[in-house]
Amino acid sequence: MSSIRVETTINDEPAEFLCSGPDTLLTALRDTLGLTGTKEGCSTGDCGACSVLLDGRLVPACLVLAAEVQGRTVTTVEGIAARDALHPVQQAFLEGAALQCGICTPGFIVAAKALLDANPDPTEQEARYWLAGNLCRCTGYDKIIRAVLDAAAEMRKVTA
């Protein structure tokens, strides 16, 4: 099988890798590029553990072919933080103990960032609806939602 050369931007940095036709973005991120923050959960797009932003849109990396990111922009959980500071969502997850085993955490953080980019002042119901595609096997949903709402409030303070 021949290799496909992909040139893309990942976490605001130019990236280049080789993949085969059936390789997923999840496989390329974890196995080829060493970005292991994005987790594999179900491999069917049902759990949200592998959530990334593709051109700013929330997608499950397990359902995107690696070759499809040619010329596009990918943001993983590793790209959410600023160089020297956690993103407010990450900080709120830490402060609110909104993580347990950690498998779902990266996907929730990426999804929460996407939510707050789209809606900086979500209600609890809107946050729960937006994050419904992310599953937590440890049942930490209340702390996760609280962390997202706390991050939203913190981000509004900074922009006010």
Protein backbone atom coordinates (compact mmCIF):
# COMPACT_ATOMS: atom_id res chain seq x y z
CA MET A 1 0.00 0.00 0.00
CA SER A 2 1.41 3.41 -0.91
CA SER A 3 1.87 6.19 1.61
CA ILE A 4 0.07 9.52 1.47
CA ARG A 5 2.04 12.62 2.43
CA VAL A 6 -0.03 15.06 4.49
CA GLU A 7 0.91 18.66 5.23
CA THR A 8 -1.24 20.32 7.86
CA THR A 9 -1.18 22.62 10.85
CA ILE A 10 -1.49 20.98 14.25
CA ASN A 11 -1.70 23.09 17.39
CA ASP A 12 -0.58 26.18 15.46
CA GLU A 13 2.56 24.46 14.15
CA PRO A 14 3.20 23.16 10.63
CA ALA A 15 3.17 19.37 10.57
CA GLU A 16 3.90 16.76 7.96
CA PHE A 17 3.38 13.01 8.14
CA LEU A 18 2.87 9.90 6.06
CA CYS A 19 -0.22 7.75 6.34
CA SER A 20 -2.01 5.03 4.46
CA GLY A 21 -5.53 5.39 3.07
CA PRO A 22 -7.45 3.83 5.96
CA ASP A 23 -5.44 5.53 8.75
CA THR A 24 -7.54 7.74 11.00
CA LEU A 25 -6.55 11.12 12.31
CA LEU A 26 -6.53 9.55 15.79
CA THR A 27 -3.93 7.00 14.68
CA ALA A 28 -1.81 9.68 13.01
CA LEU A 29 -1.94 11.93 16.07
CA ARG A 30 -1.10 9.23 18.59
CA ASP A 31 1.12 6.77 16.72
CA THR A 32 2.81 8.89 14.07
CA LEU A 33 3.04 12.33 15.68
CA GLY A 34 3.27 11.29 19.35
CA LEU A 35 0.39 13.50 20.45
CA THR A 36 -1.06 11.05 22.95
CA GLY A 37 -3.35 13.50 24.75
CA THR A 38 -6.17 12.59 22.37
CA LYS A 39 -7.53 9.31 23.71
CA GLU A 40 -9.05 6.33 21.97
CA GLY A 41 -12.34 5.34 23.54
CA CYS A 42 -14.74 3.55 21.25
CA SER A 43 -13.34 3.96 17.70
CA THR A 44 -16.90 4.50 16.46
CA GLY A 45 -17.41 8.21 17.18
CA ASP A 46 -19.79 7.58 20.06
CA CYS A 47 -17.80 8.51 23.18
CA GLY A 48 -16.03 11.82 22.48
CA ALA A 49 -12.69 10.77 24.01
CA CYS A 50 -10.88 11.56 20.76
CA SER A 51 -12.50 14.96 20.17
CA VAL A 52 -10.35 17.48 18.31
CA LEU A 53 -11.04 20.72 16.49
CA LEU A 54 -10.72 20.51 12.70
CA ASP A 55 -10.75 24.00 11.22
CA GLY A 56 -12.43 25.08 14.47
CA ARG A 57 -15.17 22.46 14.28
CA LEU A 58 -15.52 19.73 16.91
CA VAL A 59 -15.01 16.26 15.38
CA PRO A 60 -14.17 12.74 16.59
CA ALA A 61 -10.62 12.01 15.37
CA CYS A 62 -11.48 8.30 15.09
CA LEU A 63 -13.90 9.05 12.22
CA VAL A 64 -11.69 11.43 10.24
CA LEU A 65 -9.25 9.93 7.77
CA ALA A 66 -5.72 11.21 8.34
CA ALA A 67 -5.43 12.19 4.67
CA GLU A 68 -8.48 14.46 5.04
CA VAL A 69 -6.51 16.97 7.13
CA GLN A 70 -4.30 17.93 4.18
CA GLY A 71 -4.03 21.74 4.25
CA ARG A 72 -6.33 22.04 7.25
CA THR A 73 -5.91 23.08 10.88
CA VAL A 74 -6.17 20.62 13.76
CA THR A 75 -6.25 21.51 17.45
CA THR A 76 -5.78 18.76 20.01
CA VAL A 77 -5.91 18.96 23.78
CA GLU A 78 -2.17 19.69 23.70
CA GLY A 79 -2.91 22.88 21.75
CA ILE A 80 -5.55 24.24 24.13
CA ALA A 81 -3.15 25.68 26.72
CA ALA A 82 -1.08 28.77 26.09
CA ARG A 83 2.67 28.16 26.25
CA ASP A 84 2.98 29.07 29.92
CA ALA A 85 -0.59 28.93 31.22
CA LEU A 86 -3.48 26.51 31.22
CA HIS A 87 -6.62 27.45 29.33
CA PRO A 88 -9.40 28.50 31.75
CA VAL A 89 -11.26 25.25 30.96
CA GLN A 90 -8.21 23.19 31.95
CA GLN A 91 -7.73 25.26 35.10
CA ALA A 92 -11.39 24.86 36.06
CA PHE A 93 -11.19 21.08 35.55
CA LEU A 94 -8.23 20.95 37.94
CA GLU A 95 -9.73 23.26 40.54
CA GLY A 96 -13.13 21.57 40.41
CA ALA A 97 -11.77 18.00 40.42
CA ALA A 98 -13.69 17.43 37.18
CA LEU A 99 -11.66 14.40 36.21
CA GLN A 100 -11.31 10.89 37.47
CA CYS A 101 -9.68 8.20 35.34
CA GLY A 102 -8.70 10.72 32.64
CA ILE A 103 -9.78 8.86 29.51
CA CYS A 104 -12.64 11.25 28.75
CA THR A 105 -10.95 14.40 30.06
CA PRO A 106 -9.11 15.52 26.90
CA GLY A 107 -12.26 15.15 24.81
CA PHE A 108 -14.33 17.07 27.33
CA ILE A 109 -11.76 19.86 27.45
CA VAL A 110 -11.67 20.20 23.66
CA ALA A 111 -15.48 20.06 23.47
CA ALA A 112 -15.82 22.62 26.27
CA LYS A 113 -13.44 24.98 24.47
CA ALA A 114 -15.51 24.60 21.30
CA LEU A 115 -18.66 25.37 23.29
CA LEU A 116 -17.19 28.47 24.88
CA ASP A 117 -15.84 29.67 21.53
CA ALA A 118 -19.38 29.40 20.13
CA ASN A 119 -21.24 30.55 23.25
CA PRO A 120 -19.26 32.34 25.96
CA ASP A 121 -22.23 32.38 28.36
CA PRO A 122 -23.95 28.98 28.17
CA THR A 123 -26.67 27.93 30.56
CA GLU A 124 -26.27 24.63 32.39
CA GLN A 125 -28.76 23.05 30.00
CA GLU A 126 -26.85 24.34 26.95
CA ALA A 127 -23.56 23.01 28.37
CA ARG A 128 -25.10 19.60 29.07
CA TYR A 129 -26.58 19.47 25.57
CA TRP A 130 -23.29 20.50 23.90
CA LEU A 131 -21.27 17.94 25.88
CA ALA A 132 -23.79 15.12 25.44
CA GLY A 133 -21.54 13.52 22.82
CA ASN A 134 -18.83 12.95 25.43
CA LEU A 135 -19.18 9.98 27.75
CA CYS A 136 -17.65 9.63 31.21
CA ARG A 137 -17.58 6.11 32.58
CA CYS A 138 -16.73 7.40 36.05
CA THR A 139 -19.94 9.53 36.17
CA GLY A 140 -18.23 12.85 36.81
CA TYR A 141 -20.76 14.85 34.80
CA ASP A 142 -21.85 17.30 37.50
CA LYS A 143 -18.27 18.35 38.24
CA ILE A 144 -17.51 18.56 34.52
CA ILE A 145 -20.49 20.82 33.84
CA ARG A 146 -19.66 22.96 36.88
CA ALA A 147 -16.05 23.31 35.63
CA VAL A 148 -17.24 24.39 32.17
CA LEU A 149 -19.59 27.00 33.64
CA ASP A 150 -16.84 28.23 36.00
CA ALA A 151 -14.44 28.54 33.07
CA ALA A 152 -17.04 30.47 31.11
CA ALA A 153 -17.49 32.91 34.00
CA GLU A 154 -13.72 33.32 34.32
CA MET A 155 -13.31 33.92 30.60
CA ARG A 156 -16.08 36.56 30.64
CA LYS A 157 -14.24 38.40 33.45
CA VAL A 158 -11.08 38.55 31.35
CA THR A 159 -12.86 39.91 28.28
CA ALA A 160 -15.00 42.41 30.20
